[in-house]
Amino acid sequence: RHYITLLCLTEPIEEFMENTYYQLIPHIYVPEPSVMAEVLRSIEASGNIEYLPKIWSDMVIFDQTDRENLLTLILKIMINNEPIQSDLIAKFSNIAWDIWNKIEDQDETRVKKLNPTGKILGDIMVLLLKNKDFERACIIMNKLDQDQQSVLGVPSFEALSLFVDNCIEMKLPSGAINCIQYASDSGFEEVETLALKLNTALTLDETHLSRLSKIVSPDILQKSN
């Protein structure tokens, strides 16, 4: 373990992956979660995000998908390093959805269950939206909204803003308003900017305007007219 970690820390990531990782893992050595974390940090530092699908695949094989620190780290790397290639965008979205399914399909009898944080769910939603997987993103948004008592913490404001943007693009004001209500319930001070954005981009009917005016001041909505 220490030898692998040392190589991971000292060698360029390309050399480490080609000469060590692919040669030894998994048929000779199965890395502990701490080693996988070091590999992920090296990928993060180098920006070689093309290795992430392989690392995730191995995390699944090694039954390390219940490690909150590993999930948080791999999601953070995918969020902060937006790929140019469309195939990698799709792969990142698939990894995010896979993480969601791993969380949802946990054995109820398991003593140590992973309780998803708002940050993890928000990052999953962002990666889905970047691949235009809007229906799947709605499932995540519903989880955040319906299970506020059980989900620890909240997603980033950027995640909620991106969801509202996609609702606007899909011309679904009700979905956007639900998200804005959640943002308000979660204490985001920027909630007014979301309401303004929605009211400016779409022509809302009286029902939608009434719902919005219960979240933010009607005076705020007048500014967009």
C-alpha atoms as a PDB file:
ATOM      1  CA  ARG A   1       0.000   0.000   0.000  1.00  0.00           C
ATOM      2  CA  HIS A   2       2.719   2.493   1.000  1.00  0.00           C
ATOM      3  CA  TYR A   3       4.720   1.679  -2.134  1.00  0.00           C
ATOM      4  CA  ILE A   4       1.733   2.290  -4.411  1.00  0.00           C
ATOM      5  CA  THR A   5       0.882   5.509  -2.584  1.00  0.00           C
ATOM      6  CA  LEU A   6       4.482   6.722  -2.877  1.00  0.00           C
ATOM      7  CA  LEU A   7       4.530   6.101  -6.625  1.00  0.00           C
ATOM      8  CA  CYS A   8       1.170   7.841  -6.971  1.00  0.00           C
ATOM      9  CA  LEU A   9       2.512  10.899  -5.162  1.00  0.00           C
ATOM     10  CA  THR A  10       5.877  11.084  -6.946  1.00  0.00           C
ATOM     11  CA  GLU A  11       5.296   9.948 -10.534  1.00  0.00           C
ATOM     12  CA  PRO A  12       3.433  11.844 -13.262  1.00  0.00           C
ATOM     13  CA  ILE A  13      -0.089  10.460 -13.313  1.00  0.00           C
ATOM     14  CA  GLU A  14       0.282   9.086 -16.859  1.00  0.00           C
ATOM     15  CA  GLU A  15       3.355   7.066 -15.859  1.00  0.00           C
ATOM     16  CA  PHE A  16       1.725   5.870 -12.663  1.00  0.00           C
ATOM     17  CA  MET A  17      -1.428   4.699 -14.434  1.00  0.00           C
ATOM     18  CA  GLU A  18       0.400   2.961 -17.287  1.00  0.00           C
ATOM     19  CA  ASN A  19       3.321   1.429 -15.387  1.00  0.00           C
ATOM     20  CA  THR A  20       1.779   0.709 -11.999  1.00  0.00           C
ATOM     21  CA  TYR A  21      -2.014   0.944 -11.834  1.00  0.00           C
ATOM     22  CA  TYR A  22      -2.866  -0.982 -14.988  1.00  0.00           C
ATOM     23  CA  GLN A  23      -0.128  -3.535 -14.326  1.00  0.00           C
ATOM     24  CA  LEU A  24      -0.956  -4.360 -10.704  1.00  0.00           C
ATOM     25  CA  ILE A  25      -4.631  -3.573 -10.172  1.00  0.00           C
ATOM     26  CA  PRO A  26      -6.752  -5.606  -9.568  1.00  0.00           C
ATOM     27  CA  HIS A  27      -5.133  -8.968 -10.382  1.00  0.00           C
ATOM     28  CA  ILE A  28      -2.121  -8.483  -8.087  1.00  0.00           C
ATOM     29  CA  TYR A  29      -3.258  -5.788  -5.673  1.00  0.00           C
ATOM     30  CA  VAL A  30      -6.646  -4.405  -4.626  1.00  0.00           C
ATOM     31  CA  PRO A  31      -6.147  -0.828  -3.409  1.00  0.00           C
ATOM     32  CA  GLU A  32      -7.617   0.257  -0.106  1.00  0.00           C
ATOM     33  CA  PRO A  33      -9.991   3.255  -0.090  1.00  0.00           C
ATOM     34  CA  SER A  34      -7.172   5.483   1.174  1.00  0.00           C
ATOM     35  CA  VAL A  35      -5.064   4.555  -1.859  1.00  0.00           C
ATOM     36  CA  MET A  36      -7.979   5.218  -4.221  1.00  0.00           C
ATOM     37  CA  ALA A  37      -8.343   8.630  -2.593  1.00  0.00           C
ATOM     38  CA  GLU A  38      -4.671   9.384  -3.347  1.00  0.00           C
ATOM     39  CA  VAL A  39      -5.125   8.295  -6.961  1.00  0.00           C
ATOM     40  CA  LEU A  40      -8.135  10.597  -7.262  1.00  0.00           C
ATOM     41  CA  ARG A  41      -6.188  13.504  -5.760  1.00  0.00           C
ATOM     42  CA  SER A  42      -3.382  12.934  -8.259  1.00  0.00           C
ATOM     43  CA  ILE A  43      -5.900  12.977 -11.096  1.00  0.00           C
ATOM     44  CA  GLU A  44      -7.377  16.158  -9.645  1.00  0.00           C
ATOM     45  CA  ALA A  45      -3.958  17.822  -9.446  1.00  0.00           C
ATOM     46  CA  SER A  46      -2.964  16.841 -12.983  1.00  0.00           C
ATOM     47  CA  GLY A  47      -6.320  17.402 -14.652  1.00  0.00           C
ATOM     48  CA  ASN A  48      -6.177  14.002 -16.389  1.00  0.00           C
ATOM     49  CA  ILE A  49      -9.898  13.438 -15.992  1.00  0.00           C
ATOM     50  CA  GLU A  50      -9.982  10.811 -18.745  1.00  0.00           C
ATOM     51  CA  TYR A  51      -8.962   8.274 -16.075  1.00  0.00           C
ATOM     52  CA  LEU A  52     -12.056   8.884 -13.935  1.00  0.00           C
ATOM     53  CA  PRO A  53     -14.387   6.377 -15.669  1.00  0.00           C
ATOM     54  CA  LYS A  54     -11.816   3.616 -15.060  1.00  0.00           C
ATOM     55  CA  ILE A  55     -11.358   4.641 -11.421  1.00  0.00           C
ATOM     56  CA  TRP A  56     -15.119   4.665 -10.851  1.00  0.00           C
ATOM     57  CA  SER A  57     -15.477   1.251 -12.479  1.00  0.00           C
ATOM     58  CA  ASP A  58     -12.830  -0.098 -10.111  1.00  0.00           C
ATOM     59  CA  MET A  59     -14.486   1.538  -7.095  1.00  0.00           C
ATOM     60  CA  VAL A  60     -17.641  -0.394  -7.995  1.00  0.00           C
ATOM     61  CA  ILE A  61     -15.707  -3.660  -8.337  1.00  0.00           C
ATOM     62  CA  PHE A  62     -13.907  -3.081  -5.030  1.00  0.00           C
ATOM     63  CA  ASP A  63     -17.191  -2.243  -3.242  1.00  0.00           C
ATOM     64  CA  GLN A  64     -16.004   1.237  -2.293  1.00  0.00           C
ATOM     65  CA  THR A  65     -19.094   3.114  -3.439  1.00  0.00           C
ATOM     66  CA  ASP A  66     -20.361   3.617   0.102  1.00  0.00           C
ATOM     67  CA  ARG A  67     -17.381   5.784   1.032  1.00  0.00           C
ATOM     68  CA  GLU A  68     -18.652   9.340   1.318  1.00  0.00           C
ATOM     69  CA  ASN A  69     -15.156  10.830   1.024  1.00  0.00           C
ATOM     70  CA  LEU A  70     -14.514   9.008  -2.268  1.00  0.00           C
ATOM     71  CA  LEU A  71     -17.913   9.941  -3.719  1.00  0.00           C
ATOM     72  CA  THR A  72     -17.488  13.577  -2.705  1.00  0.00           C
ATOM     73  CA  LEU A  73     -14.000  13.665  -4.208  1.00  0.00           C
ATOM     74  CA  ILE A  74     -14.795  12.074  -7.567  1.00  0.00           C
ATOM     75  CA  LEU A  75     -17.886  14.290  -7.935  1.00  0.00           C
ATOM     76  CA  LYS A  76     -15.855  17.393  -7.088  1.00  0.00           C
ATOM     77  CA  ILE A  77     -13.241  16.532  -9.713  1.00  0.00           C
ATOM     78  CA  MET A  78     -15.902  15.999 -12.391  1.00  0.00           C
ATOM     79  CA  ILE A  79     -17.645  19.252 -11.462  1.00  0.00           C
ATOM     80  CA  ASN A  80     -14.465  21.357 -11.420  1.00  0.00           C
ATOM     81  CA  ASN A  81     -12.967  19.923 -14.626  1.00  0.00           C
ATOM     82  CA  GLU A  82     -15.565  20.264 -17.341  1.00  0.00           C
ATOM     83  CA  PRO A  83     -14.609  17.997 -20.239  1.00  0.00           C
ATOM     84  CA  ILE A  84     -14.531  19.198 -23.820  1.00  0.00           C
ATOM     85  CA  GLN A  85     -15.260  15.808 -25.354  1.00  0.00           C
ATOM     86  CA  SER A  86     -18.963  14.970 -25.528  1.00  0.00           C
ATOM     87  CA  ASP A  87     -18.297  11.302 -24.785  1.00  0.00           C
ATOM     88  CA  LEU A  88     -16.635  12.227 -21.481  1.00  0.00           C
ATOM     89  CA  ILE A  89     -19.549  14.520 -20.581  1.00  0.00           C
ATOM     90  CA  ALA A  90     -21.863  11.542 -21.111  1.00  0.00           C
ATOM     91  CA  LYS A  91     -19.585   9.247 -19.100  1.00  0.00           C
ATOM     92  CA  PHE A  92     -19.510  11.732 -16.214  1.00  0.00           C
ATOM     93  CA  SER A  93     -23.303  11.896 -16.300  1.00  0.00           C
ATOM     94  CA  ASN A  94     -23.478   8.105 -16.223  1.00  0.00           C
ATOM     95  CA  ILE A  95     -21.096   7.984 -13.251  1.00  0.00           C
ATOM     96  CA  ALA A  96     -23.268  10.534 -11.432  1.00  0.00           C
ATOM     97  CA  TRP A  97     -26.423   8.520 -12.120  1.00  0.00           C
ATOM     98  CA  ASP A  98     -24.630   5.355 -11.046  1.00  0.00           C
ATOM     99  CA  ILE A  99     -23.723   7.040  -7.749  1.00  0.00           C
ATOM    100  CA  TRP A 100     -27.382   7.984  -7.284  1.00  0.00           C
ATOM    101  CA  ASN A 101     -28.488   4.402  -7.892  1.00  0.00           C
ATOM    102  CA  LYS A 102     -25.867   3.072  -5.475  1.00  0.00           C
ATOM    103  CA  ILE A 103     -27.252   5.420  -2.818  1.00  0.00           C
ATOM    104  CA  GLU A 104     -30.871   4.490  -3.517  1.00  0.00           C
ATOM    105  CA  ASP A 105     -30.285   0.740  -3.751  1.00  0.00           C
ATOM    106  CA  GLN A 106     -28.471   0.322  -0.449  1.00  0.00           C
ATOM    107  CA  ASP A 107     -29.353  -2.727   1.603  1.00  0.00           C
ATOM    108  CA  GLU A 108     -31.809  -1.599   4.277  1.00  0.00           C
ATOM    109  CA  THR A 109     -30.297  -4.074   6.733  1.00  0.00           C
ATOM    110  CA  ARG A 110     -26.811  -2.660   6.320  1.00  0.00           C
ATOM    111  CA  VAL A 111     -25.486  -1.249   9.578  1.00  0.00           C
ATOM    112  CA  LYS A 112     -23.453   1.544   7.992  1.00  0.00           C
ATOM    113  CA  LYS A 113     -25.588   3.239   5.367  1.00  0.00           C
ATOM    114  CA  LEU A 114     -24.520   6.187   3.272  1.00  0.00           C
ATOM    115  CA  ASN A 115     -26.856   9.120   3.810  1.00  0.00           C
ATOM    116  CA  PRO A 116     -26.470  11.429   0.810  1.00  0.00           C
ATOM    117  CA  THR A 117     -25.620  15.038   1.543  1.00  0.00           C
ATOM    118  CA  GLY A 118     -27.131  17.990  -0.250  1.00  0.00           C
ATOM    119  CA  LYS A 119     -23.708  18.638  -1.778  1.00  0.00           C
ATOM    120  CA  ILE A 120     -23.481  15.129  -3.234  1.00  0.00           C
ATOM    121  CA  LEU A 121     -27.018  15.308  -4.655  1.00  0.00           C
ATOM    122  CA  GLY A 122     -26.411  18.788  -6.057  1.00  0.00           C
ATOM    123  CA  ASP A 123     -23.221  17.682  -7.798  1.00  0.00           C
ATOM    124  CA  ILE A 124     -25.029  14.666  -9.266  1.00  0.00           C
ATOM    125  CA  MET A 125     -27.747  16.991 -10.575  1.00  0.00           C
ATOM    126  CA  VAL A 126     -25.217  19.345 -12.191  1.00  0.00           C
ATOM    127  CA  LEU A 127     -23.460  16.506 -14.021  1.00  0.00           C
ATOM    128  CA  LEU A 128     -26.801  15.196 -15.278  1.00  0.00           C
ATOM    129  CA  LEU A 129     -27.864  18.638 -16.498  1.00  0.00           C
ATOM    130  CA  LYS A 130     -24.572  19.196 -18.310  1.00  0.00           C
ATOM    131  CA  ASN A 131     -25.435  16.103 -20.337  1.00  0.00           C
ATOM    132  CA  LYS A 132     -29.026  17.318 -20.829  1.00  0.00           C
ATOM    133  CA  ASP A 133     -30.399  14.465 -18.703  1.00  0.00           C
ATOM    134  CA  PHE A 134     -33.213  16.689 -17.478  1.00  0.00           C
ATOM    135  CA  GLU A 135     -35.642  13.937 -16.440  1.00  0.00           C
ATOM    136  CA  ARG A 136     -33.022  12.325 -14.229  1.00  0.00           C
ATOM    137  CA  ALA A 137     -32.074  15.716 -12.789  1.00  0.00           C
ATOM    138  CA  CYS A 138     -35.742  16.209 -11.845  1.00  0.00           C
ATOM    139  CA  ILE A 139     -35.599  13.002  -9.799  1.00  0.00           C
ATOM    140  CA  ILE A 140     -32.647  14.408  -7.844  1.00  0.00           C
ATOM    141  CA  MET A 141     -34.391  17.766  -7.371  1.00  0.00           C
ATOM    142  CA  ASN A 142     -37.480  15.971  -6.069  1.00  0.00           C
ATOM    143  CA  LYS A 143     -35.322  14.056  -3.602  1.00  0.00           C
ATOM    144  CA  LEU A 144     -33.819  17.307  -2.317  1.00  0.00           C
ATOM    145  CA  ASP A 145     -37.252  18.907  -2.049  1.00  0.00           C
ATOM    146  CA  GLN A 146     -39.203  16.009  -0.542  1.00  0.00           C
ATOM    147  CA  ASP A 147     -36.537  14.741   1.873  1.00  0.00           C
ATOM    148  CA  GLN A 148     -35.261  17.995   3.350  1.00  0.00           C
ATOM    149  CA  GLN A 149     -35.383  16.522   6.854  1.00  0.00           C
ATOM    150  CA  SER A 150     -33.199  13.523   6.027  1.00  0.00           C
ATOM    151  CA  VAL A 151     -30.722  15.064   3.573  1.00  0.00           C
ATOM    152  CA  LEU A 152     -27.834  16.664   5.428  1.00  0.00           C
ATOM    153  CA  GLY A 153     -26.933  20.111   4.128  1.00  0.00           C
ATOM    154  CA  VAL A 154     -27.907  21.736   0.860  1.00  0.00           C
ATOM    155  CA  PRO A 155     -26.564  21.765  -2.703  1.00  0.00           C
ATOM    156  CA  SER A 156     -24.615  24.678  -4.100  1.00  0.00           C
ATOM    157  CA  PHE A 157     -26.574  27.674  -5.321  1.00  0.00           C
ATOM    158  CA  GLU A 158     -24.998  27.070  -8.744  1.00  0.00           C
ATOM    159  CA  ALA A 159     -26.700  23.661  -8.900  1.00  0.00           C
ATOM    160  CA  LEU A 160     -30.118  25.173  -8.198  1.00  0.00           C
ATOM    161  CA  SER A 161     -29.530  28.020 -10.644  1.00  0.00           C
ATOM    162  CA  LEU A 162     -28.589  25.542 -13.383  1.00  0.00           C
ATOM    163  CA  PHE A 163     -31.762  23.566 -12.693  1.00  0.00           C
ATOM    164  CA  VAL A 164     -33.862  26.728 -13.039  1.00  0.00           C
ATOM    165  CA  ASP A 165     -32.047  27.525 -16.305  1.00  0.00           C
ATOM    166  CA  ASN A 166     -32.979  24.112 -17.651  1.00  0.00           C
ATOM    167  CA  CYS A 167     -36.597  24.511 -16.540  1.00  0.00           C
ATOM    168  CA  ILE A 168     -36.688  27.795 -18.444  1.00  0.00           C
ATOM    169  CA  GLU A 169     -35.176  26.126 -21.496  1.00  0.00           C
ATOM    170  CA  MET A 170     -37.808  23.374 -21.281  1.00  0.00           C
ATOM    171  CA  LYS A 171     -40.544  25.961 -20.606  1.00  0.00           C
ATOM    172  CA  LEU A 172     -41.505  24.333 -17.314  1.00  0.00           C
ATOM    173  CA  PRO A 173     -42.191  27.199 -14.895  1.00  0.00           C
ATOM    174  CA  SER A 174     -43.704  24.926 -12.230  1.00  0.00           C
ATOM    175  CA  GLY A 175     -40.452  22.981 -11.912  1.00  0.00           C
ATOM    176  CA  ALA A 176     -38.493  26.213 -11.655  1.00  0.00           C
ATOM    177  CA  ILE A 177     -40.835  27.576  -8.969  1.00  0.00           C
ATOM    178  CA  ASN A 178     -40.511  24.362  -6.954  1.00  0.00           C
ATOM    179  CA  CYS A 179     -36.737  24.786  -7.081  1.00  0.00           C
ATOM    180  CA  ILE A 180     -37.004  28.455  -6.102  1.00  0.00           C
ATOM    181  CA  GLN A 181     -39.230  27.502  -3.164  1.00  0.00           C
ATOM    182  CA  TYR A 182     -36.622  24.946  -2.093  1.00  0.00           C
ATOM    183  CA  ALA A 183     -33.870  27.563  -2.386  1.00  0.00           C
ATOM    184  CA  SER A 184     -35.910  29.900  -0.191  1.00  0.00           C
ATOM    185  CA  ASP A 185     -36.615  27.165   2.371  1.00  0.00           C
ATOM    186  CA  SER A 186     -32.884  26.399   2.425  1.00  0.00           C
ATOM    187  CA  GLY A 187     -32.004  29.994   3.248  1.00  0.00           C
ATOM    188  CA  PHE A 188     -30.302  31.073   0.029  1.00  0.00           C
ATOM    189  CA  GLU A 189     -30.186  34.865  -0.071  1.00  0.00           C
ATOM    190  CA  GLU A 190     -29.864  34.818  -3.879  1.00  0.00           C
ATOM    191  CA  VAL A 191     -33.365  33.385  -4.286  1.00  0.00           C
ATOM    192  CA  GLU A 192     -34.596  36.708  -5.668  1.00  0.00           C
ATOM    193  CA  THR A 193     -32.226  36.438  -8.635  1.00  0.00           C
ATOM    194  CA  LEU A 194     -33.770  33.080  -9.540  1.00  0.00           C
ATOM    195  CA  ALA A 195     -37.289  34.508  -9.378  1.00  0.00           C
ATOM    196  CA  LEU A 196     -36.282  37.497 -11.487  1.00  0.00           C
ATOM    197  CA  LYS A 197     -34.607  35.267 -14.041  1.00  0.00           C
ATOM    198  CA  LEU A 198     -37.690  33.081 -14.380  1.00  0.00           C
ATOM    199  CA  ASN A 199     -40.127  35.984 -14.603  1.00  0.00           C
ATOM    200  CA  THR A 200     -37.970  37.692 -17.230  1.00  0.00           C
ATOM    201  CA  ALA A 201     -37.433  34.614 -19.387  1.00  0.00           C
ATOM    202  CA  LEU A 202     -40.966  33.191 -19.461  1.00  0.00           C
ATOM    203  CA  THR A 203     -44.445  34.679 -19.603  1.00  0.00           C
ATOM    204  CA  LEU A 204     -45.975  33.407 -16.384  1.00  0.00           C
ATOM    205  CA  ASP A 205     -49.692  33.003 -15.801  1.00  0.00           C
ATOM    206  CA  GLU A 206     -51.497  34.270 -12.705  1.00  0.00           C
ATOM    207  CA  THR A 207     -51.096  30.976 -10.858  1.00  0.00           C
ATOM    208  CA  HIS A 208     -47.333  30.969 -11.367  1.00  0.00           C
ATOM    209  CA  LEU A 209     -47.023  34.633 -10.436  1.00  0.00           C
ATOM    210  CA  SER A 210     -49.084  34.053  -7.306  1.00  0.00           C
ATOM    211  CA  ARG A 211     -46.809  31.202  -6.242  1.00  0.00           C
ATOM    212  CA  LEU A 212     -43.698  33.279  -6.921  1.00  0.00           C
ATOM    213  CA  SER A 213     -45.025  36.286  -5.022  1.00  0.00           C
ATOM    214  CA  LYS A 214     -45.391  34.097  -1.928  1.00  0.00           C
ATOM    215  CA  ILE A 215     -41.677  33.279  -2.122  1.00  0.00           C
ATOM    216  CA  VAL A 216     -40.275  36.714  -2.948  1.00  0.00           C
ATOM    217  CA  SER A 217     -41.696  40.203  -2.685  1.00  0.00           C
ATOM    218  CA  PRO A 218     -44.066  41.164  -5.523  1.00  0.00           C
ATOM    219  CA  ASP A 219     -42.008  44.359  -5.801  1.00  0.00           C
ATOM    220  CA  ILE A 220     -39.029  42.238  -6.832  1.00  0.00           C
ATOM    221  CA  LEU A 221     -41.033  40.679  -9.640  1.00  0.00           C
ATOM    222  CA  GLN A 222     -42.051  44.122 -10.893  1.00  0.00           C
ATOM    223  CA  LYS A 223     -38.390  44.876 -11.619  1.00  0.00           C
ATOM    224  CA  SER A 224     -38.373  42.311 -14.401  1.00  0.00           C
ATOM    225  CA  ASN A 225     -41.356  43.844 -16.173  1.00  0.00           C
END
